[in-house]
C-alpha atoms as a PDB file:
ATOM      1  CA  MET A   1      -0.050   0.030  -0.015  1.00  0.00           C
ATOM      2  CA  PRO A   2       1.304   3.540  -0.758  1.00  0.00           C
ATOM      3  CA  ASP A   3       2.293   5.655   2.098  1.00  0.00           C
ATOM      4  CA  ALA A   4       2.049   9.265   0.792  1.00  0.00           C
ATOM      5  CA  ARG A   5       2.393  10.590   4.342  1.00  0.00           C
ATOM      6  CA  ALA A   6       5.757   8.765   4.946  1.00  0.00           C
ATOM      7  CA  ALA A   7       7.041   9.836   1.573  1.00  0.00           C
ATOM      8  CA  ALA A   8       6.108  13.423   2.411  1.00  0.00           C
ATOM      9  CA  MET A   9       7.964  13.195   5.629  1.00  0.00           C
ATOM     10  CA  LEU A  10      11.028  11.829   3.940  1.00  0.00           C
ATOM     11  CA  ILE A  11      10.984  14.333   1.078  1.00  0.00           C
ATOM     12  CA  GLU A  12      10.666  17.171   3.763  1.00  0.00           C
ATOM     13  CA  ARG A  13      13.658  16.009   5.591  1.00  0.00           C
ATOM     14  CA  ILE A  14      15.780  15.580   2.469  1.00  0.00           C
ATOM     15  CA  SER A  15      14.766  18.935   1.234  1.00  0.00           C
ATOM     16  CA  LYS A  16      15.981  20.494   4.391  1.00  0.00           C
ATOM     17  CA  ILE A  17      19.281  18.654   4.089  1.00  0.00           C
ATOM     18  CA  ILE A  18      19.980  19.630   0.516  1.00  0.00           C
ATOM     19  CA  HIS A  19      18.376  23.204   0.954  1.00  0.00           C
ATOM     20  CA  ILE A  20      15.897  22.707  -1.858  1.00  0.00           C
ATOM     21  CA  ASN A  21      12.239  23.683  -1.338  1.00  0.00           C
ATOM     22  CA  ILE A  22      10.076  20.818  -2.617  1.00  0.00           C
ATOM     23  CA  ASP A  23       6.189  21.254  -2.420  1.00  0.00           C
ATOM     24  CA  ILE A  24       4.989  18.185  -0.520  1.00  0.00           C
ATOM     25  CA  GLU A  25       1.333  19.355  -0.394  1.00  0.00           C
ATOM     26  CA  PRO A  26       0.234  17.092  -3.184  1.00  0.00           C
ATOM     27  CA  LEU A  27       1.586  13.989  -1.072  1.00  0.00           C
ATOM     28  CA  HIS A  28      -0.474  15.313   1.869  1.00  0.00           C
ATOM     29  CA  ARG A  29      -3.557  15.428  -0.059  1.00  0.00           C
ATOM     30  CA  GLU A  30      -3.002  11.980  -1.513  1.00  0.00           C
ATOM     31  CA  ALA A  31      -2.549  10.648   2.057  1.00  0.00           C
ATOM     32  CA  GLU A  32      -5.820  12.165   3.058  1.00  0.00           C
ATOM     33  CA  ARG A  33      -7.537  10.601   0.137  1.00  0.00           C
ATOM     34  CA  ILE A  34      -6.012   7.283   0.799  1.00  0.00           C
ATOM     35  CA  GLU A  35      -6.839   7.516   4.455  1.00  0.00           C
ATOM     36  CA  ALA A  36     -10.472   8.421   3.815  1.00  0.00           C
ATOM     37  CA  ARG A  37     -10.689   5.538   1.437  1.00  0.00           C
ATOM     38  CA  ILE A  38      -9.346   3.003   4.111  1.00  0.00           C
ATOM     39  CA  ARG A  39     -11.828   4.314   6.653  1.00  0.00           C
ATOM     40  CA  SER A  40     -14.644   3.797   4.177  1.00  0.00           C
ATOM     41  CA  LEU A  41     -13.629   0.381   3.196  1.00  0.00           C
ATOM     42  CA  ARG A  42     -13.355  -0.687   7.034  1.00  0.00           C
ATOM     43  CA  GLU A  43     -16.914   0.685   7.594  1.00  0.00           C
ATOM     44  CA  GLN A  44     -18.172  -1.190   4.718  1.00  0.00           C
ATOM     45  CA  SER A  45     -16.517  -4.362   5.773  1.00  0.00           C
ATOM     46  CA  LYS A  46     -17.550  -3.881   9.362  1.00  0.00           C
ATOM     47  CA  ALA A  47     -21.297  -3.548   8.073  1.00  0.00           C
ATOM     48  CA  ALA A  48     -20.721  -6.720   5.830  1.00  0.00           C
ATOM     49  CA  THR A  49     -19.475  -9.002   8.605  1.00  0.00           C
ATOM     50  CA  GLN A  50     -22.073  -8.059  11.195  1.00  0.00           C
ATOM     51  CA  PRO A  51     -24.580 -10.953  11.480  1.00  0.00           C
ATOM     52  CA  SER A  52     -27.961 -10.312   9.974  1.00  0.00           C
ATOM     53  CA  THR A  53     -31.153 -11.976  11.042  1.00  0.00           C
ATOM     54  CA  PHE A  54     -33.903 -13.462   9.047  1.00  0.00           C
ATOM     55  CA  GLN A  55     -35.977 -10.420   9.773  1.00  0.00           C
ATOM     56  CA  ASP A  56     -33.423  -8.073   8.138  1.00  0.00           C
ATOM     57  CA  MET A  57     -33.922  -9.702   4.890  1.00  0.00           C
ATOM     58  CA  TYR A  58     -37.409  -8.519   4.498  1.00  0.00           C
ATOM     59  CA  ILE A  59     -37.026  -4.811   5.528  1.00  0.00           C
END
């Protein structure tokens, strides 16, 4: 799984060492997008794994 947040942290550190300004905002946005997707998938899987009752089938 890609880790945009870790990549941003690494690039930020390297850019300070080599004294070059590198825009890491796109990586932060990508990290937020990935984390939101993971949260959504977790919620979907949680709902899918909860036991349903016979009555739930006809609601």
